[in-house]
Amino acid sequence: MTMKALISSALRAFTDPGLAPTRLPAALGSVVGHLQSLALLAARLYVARVFFTSGLSKLHDWSATLALFNDYYQVPLLPPTLAAYLGAAGELAIPVLLVLGLAGRFAGAGLFVVNLMAALSLPAEDLSVAGEMQHILWGVLALGIALFGAGRWSADAWLARRPR
């Protein structure tokens, strides 16, 4: 391989937007594909753990959860009790889908919405800079999963590979 071809391949690899995996050399494309799947798996597991733990804490003291939704959280458009039930259900069910990589795009979008509602329902003066940054991180990771899918290491990928 000539120096010009090597430089051209490197430039294509570093500037590839990820939209056309065939633009990368085959060996590099395979490595990048596995790294993308590893990153998506890490994002799925991290975001799922955060929200599942939050859902468990809501169940642990349901009366306190209802009190918070009635008196503290300012959930738009929903009655507080319904918001508490929907929030807890979403935080417990959607992370299971995310860990499995089953309906990965749906699960990512679902947790993006749950995260957005959680951030919007907190009184602005009570959301610290660190708390805001956490919500941004969780939102970006969930949105990334919604946009890119669950990756190669998921039930979605397994189901897509099954013979019909």
C-alpha atoms as a PDB file:
ATOM      1  CA  MET A   1       0.000   0.000   0.000  1.00  0.00           C
ATOM      2  CA  THR A   2       1.402   3.387  -0.969  1.00  0.00           C
ATOM      3  CA  MET A   3       1.758   6.250   1.458  1.00  0.00           C
ATOM      4  CA  LYS A   4      -0.903   8.210  -0.427  1.00  0.00           C
ATOM      5  CA  ALA A   5      -3.385   5.307  -0.159  1.00  0.00           C
ATOM      6  CA  LEU A   6      -2.582   4.878   3.546  1.00  0.00           C
ATOM      7  CA  ILE A   7      -3.148   8.574   4.251  1.00  0.00           C
ATOM      8  CA  SER A   8      -6.352   8.517   2.196  1.00  0.00           C
ATOM      9  CA  SER A   9      -7.647   5.495   4.151  1.00  0.00           C
ATOM     10  CA  ALA A  10      -6.772   7.146   7.464  1.00  0.00           C
ATOM     11  CA  LEU A  11      -8.549  10.371   6.488  1.00  0.00           C
ATOM     12  CA  ARG A  12     -11.639   8.420   5.384  1.00  0.00           C
ATOM     13  CA  ALA A  13     -11.634   6.514   8.672  1.00  0.00           C
ATOM     14  CA  PHE A  14     -11.266   9.604  10.848  1.00  0.00           C
ATOM     15  CA  THR A  15     -13.855  11.642   8.953  1.00  0.00           C
ATOM     16  CA  ASP A  16     -16.384   8.843   8.399  1.00  0.00           C
ATOM     17  CA  PRO A  17     -19.756   9.992   9.807  1.00  0.00           C
ATOM     18  CA  GLY A  18     -20.761   6.401  10.527  1.00  0.00           C
ATOM     19  CA  LEU A  19     -23.494   6.431   7.928  1.00  0.00           C
ATOM     20  CA  ALA A  20     -21.809   4.147   5.403  1.00  0.00           C
ATOM     21  CA  PRO A  21     -19.748   1.418   7.053  1.00  0.00           C
ATOM     22  CA  THR A  22     -18.412   0.346   3.640  1.00  0.00           C
ATOM     23  CA  ARG A  23     -16.280   3.502   3.458  1.00  0.00           C
ATOM     24  CA  LEU A  24     -13.919   2.043   6.050  1.00  0.00           C
ATOM     25  CA  PRO A  25     -11.360  -0.613   5.178  1.00  0.00           C
ATOM     26  CA  ALA A  26     -12.832  -4.040   6.028  1.00  0.00           C
ATOM     27  CA  ALA A  27     -10.540  -4.777   8.994  1.00  0.00           C
ATOM     28  CA  LEU A  28     -11.032  -1.321  10.494  1.00  0.00           C
ATOM     29  CA  GLY A  29     -14.774  -1.454   9.861  1.00  0.00           C
ATOM     30  CA  SER A  30     -15.010  -4.703  11.808  1.00  0.00           C
ATOM     31  CA  VAL A  31     -13.066  -3.283  14.767  1.00  0.00           C
ATOM     32  CA  VAL A  32     -15.110  -0.067  14.749  1.00  0.00           C
ATOM     33  CA  GLY A  33     -18.351  -2.071  14.578  1.00  0.00           C
ATOM     34  CA  HIS A  34     -17.375  -4.078  17.659  1.00  0.00           C
ATOM     35  CA  LEU A  35     -16.270  -0.927  19.518  1.00  0.00           C
ATOM     36  CA  GLN A  36     -19.571   0.767  18.654  1.00  0.00           C
ATOM     37  CA  SER A  37     -21.456  -2.251  19.994  1.00  0.00           C
ATOM     38  CA  LEU A  38     -19.340  -2.228  23.150  1.00  0.00           C
ATOM     39  CA  ALA A  39     -20.042   1.487  23.647  1.00  0.00           C
ATOM     40  CA  LEU A  40     -23.778   0.937  23.078  1.00  0.00           C
ATOM     41  CA  LEU A  41     -23.769  -1.987  25.530  1.00  0.00           C
ATOM     42  CA  ALA A  42     -21.982   0.137  28.147  1.00  0.00           C
ATOM     43  CA  ALA A  43     -24.458   2.983  27.616  1.00  0.00           C
ATOM     44  CA  ARG A  44     -27.416   0.576  27.840  1.00  0.00           C
ATOM     45  CA  LEU A  45     -26.173  -1.001  31.079  1.00  0.00           C
ATOM     46  CA  TYR A  46     -25.274   2.328  32.700  1.00  0.00           C
ATOM     47  CA  VAL A  47     -28.519   4.112  31.877  1.00  0.00           C
ATOM     48  CA  ALA A  48     -30.582   1.032  32.778  1.00  0.00           C
ATOM     49  CA  ARG A  49     -28.893   0.804  36.192  1.00  0.00           C
ATOM     50  CA  VAL A  50     -29.509   4.478  36.953  1.00  0.00           C
ATOM     51  CA  PHE A  51     -33.211   4.340  36.143  1.00  0.00           C
ATOM     52  CA  PHE A  52     -33.910   0.880  37.581  1.00  0.00           C
ATOM     53  CA  THR A  53     -32.322   1.919  40.880  1.00  0.00           C
ATOM     54  CA  SER A  54     -34.465   5.043  40.897  1.00  0.00           C
ATOM     55  CA  GLY A  55     -37.586   2.953  40.264  1.00  0.00           C
ATOM     56  CA  LEU A  56     -36.694   0.611  43.131  1.00  0.00           C
ATOM     57  CA  SER A  57     -36.251   3.563  45.484  1.00  0.00           C
ATOM     58  CA  LYS A  58     -39.741   4.772  44.543  1.00  0.00           C
ATOM     59  CA  LEU A  59     -41.188   1.349  45.389  1.00  0.00           C
ATOM     60  CA  HIS A  60     -39.226   1.110  48.629  1.00  0.00           C
ATOM     61  CA  ASP A  61     -41.250   3.906  50.191  1.00  0.00           C
ATOM     62  CA  TRP A  62     -44.357   4.323  48.056  1.00  0.00           C
ATOM     63  CA  SER A  63     -46.059   6.726  50.472  1.00  0.00           C
ATOM     64  CA  ALA A  64     -43.050   9.061  50.293  1.00  0.00           C
ATOM     65  CA  THR A  65     -43.079   8.747  46.501  1.00  0.00           C
ATOM     66  CA  LEU A  66     -46.730   9.759  46.348  1.00  0.00           C
ATOM     67  CA  ALA A  67     -46.056  12.657  48.707  1.00  0.00           C
ATOM     68  CA  LEU A  68     -43.178  13.871  46.523  1.00  0.00           C
ATOM     69  CA  PHE A  69     -45.302  13.715  43.376  1.00  0.00           C
ATOM     70  CA  ASN A  70     -48.176  15.508  45.140  1.00  0.00           C
ATOM     71  CA  ASP A  71     -46.184  18.201  46.935  1.00  0.00           C
ATOM     72  CA  TYR A  72     -42.784  18.649  45.315  1.00  0.00           C
ATOM     73  CA  TYR A  73     -42.468  17.465  41.721  1.00  0.00           C
ATOM     74  CA  GLN A  74     -44.212  19.647  39.184  1.00  0.00           C
ATOM     75  CA  VAL A  75     -45.048  17.096  36.488  1.00  0.00           C
ATOM     76  CA  PRO A  76     -46.728  18.848  33.573  1.00  0.00           C
ATOM     77  CA  LEU A  77     -50.029  17.570  32.122  1.00  0.00           C
ATOM     78  CA  LEU A  78     -50.492  14.567  34.452  1.00  0.00           C
ATOM     79  CA  PRO A  79     -52.204  14.193  37.825  1.00  0.00           C
ATOM     80  CA  PRO A  80     -49.544  13.539  40.504  1.00  0.00           C
ATOM     81  CA  THR A  81     -50.690   9.999  41.392  1.00  0.00           C
ATOM     82  CA  LEU A  82     -50.788   8.910  37.757  1.00  0.00           C
ATOM     83  CA  ALA A  83     -47.361  10.499  37.198  1.00  0.00           C
ATOM     84  CA  ALA A  84     -45.978   8.526  40.161  1.00  0.00           C
ATOM     85  CA  TYR A  85     -47.309   5.221  38.819  1.00  0.00           C
ATOM     86  CA  LEU A  86     -46.155   5.921  35.261  1.00  0.00           C
ATOM     87  CA  GLY A  87     -42.743   7.138  36.416  1.00  0.00           C
ATOM     88  CA  ALA A  88     -42.123   4.089  38.593  1.00  0.00           C
ATOM     89  CA  ALA A  89     -43.386   1.705  35.908  1.00  0.00           C
ATOM     90  CA  GLY A  90     -41.204   3.322  33.262  1.00  0.00           C
ATOM     91  CA  GLU A  91     -38.138   3.269  35.503  1.00  0.00           C
ATOM     92  CA  LEU A  92     -38.625  -0.418  36.266  1.00  0.00           C
ATOM     93  CA  ALA A  93     -39.803  -1.879  32.946  1.00  0.00           C
ATOM     94  CA  ILE A  94     -37.861   0.057  30.316  1.00  0.00           C
ATOM     95  CA  PRO A  95     -34.401  -0.658  31.805  1.00  0.00           C
ATOM     96  CA  VAL A  96     -35.093  -4.392  31.520  1.00  0.00           C
ATOM     97  CA  LEU A  97     -35.677  -3.939  27.785  1.00  0.00           C
ATOM     98  CA  LEU A  98     -32.519  -1.854  27.575  1.00  0.00           C
ATOM     99  CA  VAL A  99     -30.331  -4.449  29.316  1.00  0.00           C
ATOM    100  CA  LEU A 100     -31.623  -7.158  27.000  1.00  0.00           C
ATOM    101  CA  GLY A 101     -31.335  -4.914  23.970  1.00  0.00           C
ATOM    102  CA  LEU A 102     -34.926  -5.771  23.140  1.00  0.00           C
ATOM    103  CA  ALA A 103     -36.794  -2.960  21.373  1.00  0.00           C
ATOM    104  CA  GLY A 104     -33.622  -0.965  21.975  1.00  0.00           C
ATOM    105  CA  ARG A 105     -34.644   2.143  20.075  1.00  0.00           C
ATOM    106  CA  PHE A 106     -38.011   2.206  21.846  1.00  0.00           C
ATOM    107  CA  ALA A 107     -36.325   1.707  25.236  1.00  0.00           C
ATOM    108  CA  GLY A 108     -33.788   4.465  24.545  1.00  0.00           C
ATOM    109  CA  ALA A 109     -36.543   6.862  23.485  1.00  0.00           C
ATOM    110  CA  GLY A 110     -38.655   5.851  26.484  1.00  0.00           C
ATOM    111  CA  LEU A 111     -35.895   6.557  28.996  1.00  0.00           C
ATOM    112  CA  PHE A 112     -35.099   9.804  27.185  1.00  0.00           C
ATOM    113  CA  VAL A 113     -38.703  10.893  27.815  1.00  0.00           C
ATOM    114  CA  VAL A 114     -38.652   9.648  31.447  1.00  0.00           C
ATOM    115  CA  ASN A 115     -35.397  11.554  32.009  1.00  0.00           C
ATOM    116  CA  LEU A 116     -36.767  14.693  30.366  1.00  0.00           C
ATOM    117  CA  MET A 117     -39.924  14.564  32.498  1.00  0.00           C
ATOM    118  CA  ALA A 118     -37.834  14.040  35.651  1.00  0.00           C
ATOM    119  CA  ALA A 119     -35.637  17.034  34.845  1.00  0.00           C
ATOM    120  CA  LEU A 120     -38.611  19.236  33.965  1.00  0.00           C
ATOM    121  CA  SER A 121     -40.584  18.260  37.065  1.00  0.00           C
ATOM    122  CA  LEU A 122     -37.898  19.365  39.512  1.00  0.00           C
ATOM    123  CA  PRO A 123     -38.183  22.955  40.705  1.00  0.00           C
ATOM    124  CA  ALA A 124     -35.457  24.908  38.869  1.00  0.00           C
ATOM    125  CA  GLU A 125     -33.909  26.217  42.080  1.00  0.00           C
ATOM    126  CA  ASP A 126     -33.455  22.652  43.387  1.00  0.00           C
ATOM    127  CA  LEU A 127     -31.585  21.304  40.349  1.00  0.00           C
ATOM    128  CA  SER A 128     -27.868  21.715  41.009  1.00  0.00           C
ATOM    129  CA  VAL A 129     -25.334  22.087  38.232  1.00  0.00           C
ATOM    130  CA  ALA A 130     -24.102  18.542  38.940  1.00  0.00           C
ATOM    131  CA  GLY A 131     -27.672  17.212  38.834  1.00  0.00           C
ATOM    132  CA  GLU A 132     -28.316  19.022  35.580  1.00  0.00           C
ATOM    133  CA  MET A 133     -25.148  17.536  34.081  1.00  0.00           C
ATOM    134  CA  GLN A 134     -26.235  14.040  35.141  1.00  0.00           C
ATOM    135  CA  HIS A 135     -29.598  14.480  33.430  1.00  0.00           C
ATOM    136  CA  ILE A 136     -27.839  15.742  30.304  1.00  0.00           C
ATOM    137  CA  LEU A 137     -25.513  12.709  30.296  1.00  0.00           C
ATOM    138  CA  TRP A 138     -28.391  10.260  30.783  1.00  0.00           C
ATOM    139  CA  GLY A 139     -30.419  12.032  28.105  1.00  0.00           C
ATOM    140  CA  VAL A 140     -27.602  11.995  25.557  1.00  0.00           C
ATOM    141  CA  LEU A 141     -26.887   8.300  26.194  1.00  0.00           C
ATOM    142  CA  ALA A 142     -30.574   7.367  25.950  1.00  0.00           C
ATOM    143  CA  LEU A 143     -30.963   9.452  22.790  1.00  0.00           C
ATOM    144  CA  GLY A 144     -27.873   7.803  21.286  1.00  0.00           C
ATOM    145  CA  ILE A 145     -29.428   4.385  21.881  1.00  0.00           C
ATOM    146  CA  ALA A 146     -32.698   5.579  20.365  1.00  0.00           C
ATOM    147  CA  LEU A 147     -30.902   6.876  17.276  1.00  0.00           C
ATOM    148  CA  PHE A 148     -28.326   4.107  16.736  1.00  0.00           C
ATOM    149  CA  GLY A 149     -30.143   1.078  18.135  1.00  0.00           C
ATOM    150  CA  ALA A 150     -28.962  -1.438  20.712  1.00  0.00           C
ATOM    151  CA  GLY A 151     -25.920  -2.642  18.759  1.00  0.00           C
ATOM    152  CA  ARG A 152     -24.666  -6.058  17.701  1.00  0.00           C
ATOM    153  CA  TRP A 153     -24.771  -7.454  21.225  1.00  0.00           C
ATOM    154  CA  SER A 154     -28.499  -7.265  21.770  1.00  0.00           C
ATOM    155  CA  ALA A 155     -31.675  -9.296  21.481  1.00  0.00           C
ATOM    156  CA  ASP A 156     -32.672  -7.016  18.585  1.00  0.00           C
ATOM    157  CA  ALA A 157     -29.560  -8.067  16.624  1.00  0.00           C
ATOM    158  CA  TRP A 158     -30.093 -11.720  17.509  1.00  0.00           C
ATOM    159  CA  LEU A 159     -33.700 -11.563  16.344  1.00  0.00           C
ATOM    160  CA  ALA A 160     -32.656  -9.867  13.099  1.00  0.00           C
ATOM    161  CA  ARG A 161     -30.114 -12.652  12.381  1.00  0.00           C
ATOM    162  CA  ARG A 162     -32.584 -15.510  12.995  1.00  0.00           C
ATOM    163  CA  PRO A 163     -33.767 -17.343   9.908  1.00  0.00           C
ATOM    164  CA  ARG A 164     -37.404 -16.734   9.165  1.00  0.00           C
END
